[in-house]
Amino acid sequence: MVSDFSSLLDKVSQLAELMIALRRENAELRHEVTTLTDENAQLSSRMKEAHDRVSALIDTMPSPSDQETA
């Protein structure tokens, strides 16, 4: 009977340690998700700015028909 309680205590202790480790890992992963989400937003913004600049440059270029008449 005592060995059963001892075995149960060991299993509960292991479970508690695992729970603590998983909570820590979960917190780290949540932080990583937040960081990557912010980085993704910054990169998306930079891509949009680059796209807008390229579009503006393309709009200022003469069309091929303009070059033929010149």
C-alpha atoms as a PDB file:
ATOM      1  CA  MET A   1       0.000   0.000   0.000  1.00  0.00           C
ATOM      2  CA  VAL A   2       2.804   2.421   0.876  1.00  0.00           C
ATOM      3  CA  SER A   3       4.618   1.566  -2.347  1.00  0.00           C
ATOM      4  CA  ASP A   4       1.414   2.324  -4.301  1.00  0.00           C
ATOM      5  CA  PHE A   5       1.243   5.777  -2.728  1.00  0.00           C
ATOM      6  CA  SER A   6       4.934   6.304  -3.361  1.00  0.00           C
ATOM      7  CA  SER A   7       4.502   5.324  -7.009  1.00  0.00           C
ATOM      8  CA  LEU A   8       1.501   7.616  -7.334  1.00  0.00           C
ATOM      9  CA  LEU A   9       3.448  10.453  -5.712  1.00  0.00           C
ATOM     10  CA  ASP A  10       6.288   9.954  -8.192  1.00  0.00           C
ATOM     11  CA  LYS A  11       3.877  10.032 -11.116  1.00  0.00           C
ATOM     12  CA  VAL A  12       2.154  13.170  -9.829  1.00  0.00           C
ATOM     13  CA  SER A  13       5.547  14.813  -9.331  1.00  0.00           C
ATOM     14  CA  GLN A  14       6.567  13.938 -12.892  1.00  0.00           C
ATOM     15  CA  LEU A  15       3.267  15.274 -14.162  1.00  0.00           C
ATOM     16  CA  ALA A  16       3.760  18.540 -12.254  1.00  0.00           C
ATOM     17  CA  GLU A  17       7.288  18.933 -13.655  1.00  0.00           C
ATOM     18  CA  LEU A  18       6.023  18.253 -17.169  1.00  0.00           C
ATOM     19  CA  MET A  19       3.230  20.787 -16.723  1.00  0.00           C
ATOM     20  CA  ILE A  20       5.717  23.450 -15.600  1.00  0.00           C
ATOM     21  CA  ALA A  21       7.995  22.701 -18.563  1.00  0.00           C
ATOM     22  CA  LEU A  22       5.064  22.866 -20.988  1.00  0.00           C
ATOM     23  CA  ARG A  23       3.854  26.159 -19.542  1.00  0.00           C
ATOM     24  CA  ARG A  24       7.353  27.608 -19.950  1.00  0.00           C
ATOM     25  CA  GLU A  25       7.572  26.342 -23.520  1.00  0.00           C
ATOM     26  CA  ASN A  26       4.099  27.708 -24.266  1.00  0.00           C
ATOM     27  CA  ALA A  27       5.093  31.148 -22.961  1.00  0.00           C
ATOM     28  CA  GLU A  28       8.246  31.093 -25.098  1.00  0.00           C
ATOM     29  CA  LEU A  29       6.270  30.086 -28.168  1.00  0.00           C
ATOM     30  CA  ARG A  30       3.692  32.818 -27.570  1.00  0.00           C
ATOM     31  CA  HIS A  31       6.521  35.349 -27.329  1.00  0.00           C
ATOM     32  CA  GLU A  32       8.050  34.005 -30.536  1.00  0.00           C
ATOM     33  CA  VAL A  33       4.687  34.233 -32.324  1.00  0.00           C
ATOM     34  CA  THR A  34       4.319  37.849 -31.210  1.00  0.00           C
ATOM     35  CA  THR A  35       7.844  38.677 -32.376  1.00  0.00           C
ATOM     36  CA  LEU A  36       7.345  36.978 -35.738  1.00  0.00           C
ATOM     37  CA  THR A  37       3.954  38.626 -36.230  1.00  0.00           C
ATOM     38  CA  ASP A  38       5.524  42.040 -35.660  1.00  0.00           C
ATOM     39  CA  GLU A  39       8.384  41.208 -38.019  1.00  0.00           C
ATOM     40  CA  ASN A  40       5.913  40.008 -40.643  1.00  0.00           C
ATOM     41  CA  ALA A  41       3.954  43.263 -40.395  1.00  0.00           C
ATOM     42  CA  GLN A  42       7.148  45.292 -40.812  1.00  0.00           C
ATOM     43  CA  LEU A  43       8.237  43.256 -43.831  1.00  0.00           C
ATOM     44  CA  SER A  44       4.781  43.529 -45.402  1.00  0.00           C
ATOM     45  CA  SER A  45       4.918  47.287 -44.960  1.00  0.00           C
ATOM     46  CA  ARG A  46       8.354  47.442 -46.568  1.00  0.00           C
ATOM     47  CA  MET A  47       7.160  45.294 -49.479  1.00  0.00           C
ATOM     48  CA  LYS A  48       4.184  47.592 -50.027  1.00  0.00           C
ATOM     49  CA  GLU A  49       6.468  50.638 -49.992  1.00  0.00           C
ATOM     50  CA  ALA A  50       8.794  48.967 -52.521  1.00  0.00           C
ATOM     51  CA  HIS A  51       5.824  48.013 -54.699  1.00  0.00           C
ATOM     52  CA  ASP A  52       4.513  51.580 -54.606  1.00  0.00           C
ATOM     53  CA  ARG A  53       7.944  52.956 -55.561  1.00  0.00           C
ATOM     54  CA  VAL A  54       8.329  50.532 -58.468  1.00  0.00           C
ATOM     55  CA  SER A  55       4.797  51.314 -59.647  1.00  0.00           C
ATOM     56  CA  ALA A  56       5.550  55.044 -59.509  1.00  0.00           C
ATOM     57  CA  LEU A  57       8.739  54.517 -61.526  1.00  0.00           C
ATOM     58  CA  ILE A  58       6.908  52.436 -64.109  1.00  0.00           C
ATOM     59  CA  ASP A  59       4.268  55.151 -64.443  1.00  0.00           C
ATOM     60  CA  THR A  60       6.973  57.737 -65.230  1.00  0.00           C
ATOM     61  CA  MET A  61       8.572  55.599 -67.945  1.00  0.00           C
ATOM     62  CA  PRO A  62       7.587  56.324 -71.517  1.00  0.00           C
ATOM     63  CA  SER A  63       5.424  53.701 -73.141  1.00  0.00           C
ATOM     64  CA  PRO A  64       6.858  51.715 -76.090  1.00  0.00           C
ATOM     65  CA  SER A  65       4.552  53.543 -78.519  1.00  0.00           C
ATOM     66  CA  ASP A  66       5.981  56.887 -77.324  1.00  0.00           C
ATOM     67  CA  GLN A  67       9.492  55.684 -78.096  1.00  0.00           C
ATOM     68  CA  GLU A  68       8.565  54.611 -81.650  1.00  0.00           C
ATOM     69  CA  THR A  69       7.221  58.058 -82.549  1.00  0.00           C
ATOM     70  CA  ALA A  70      10.305  59.864 -81.248  1.00  0.00           C
END
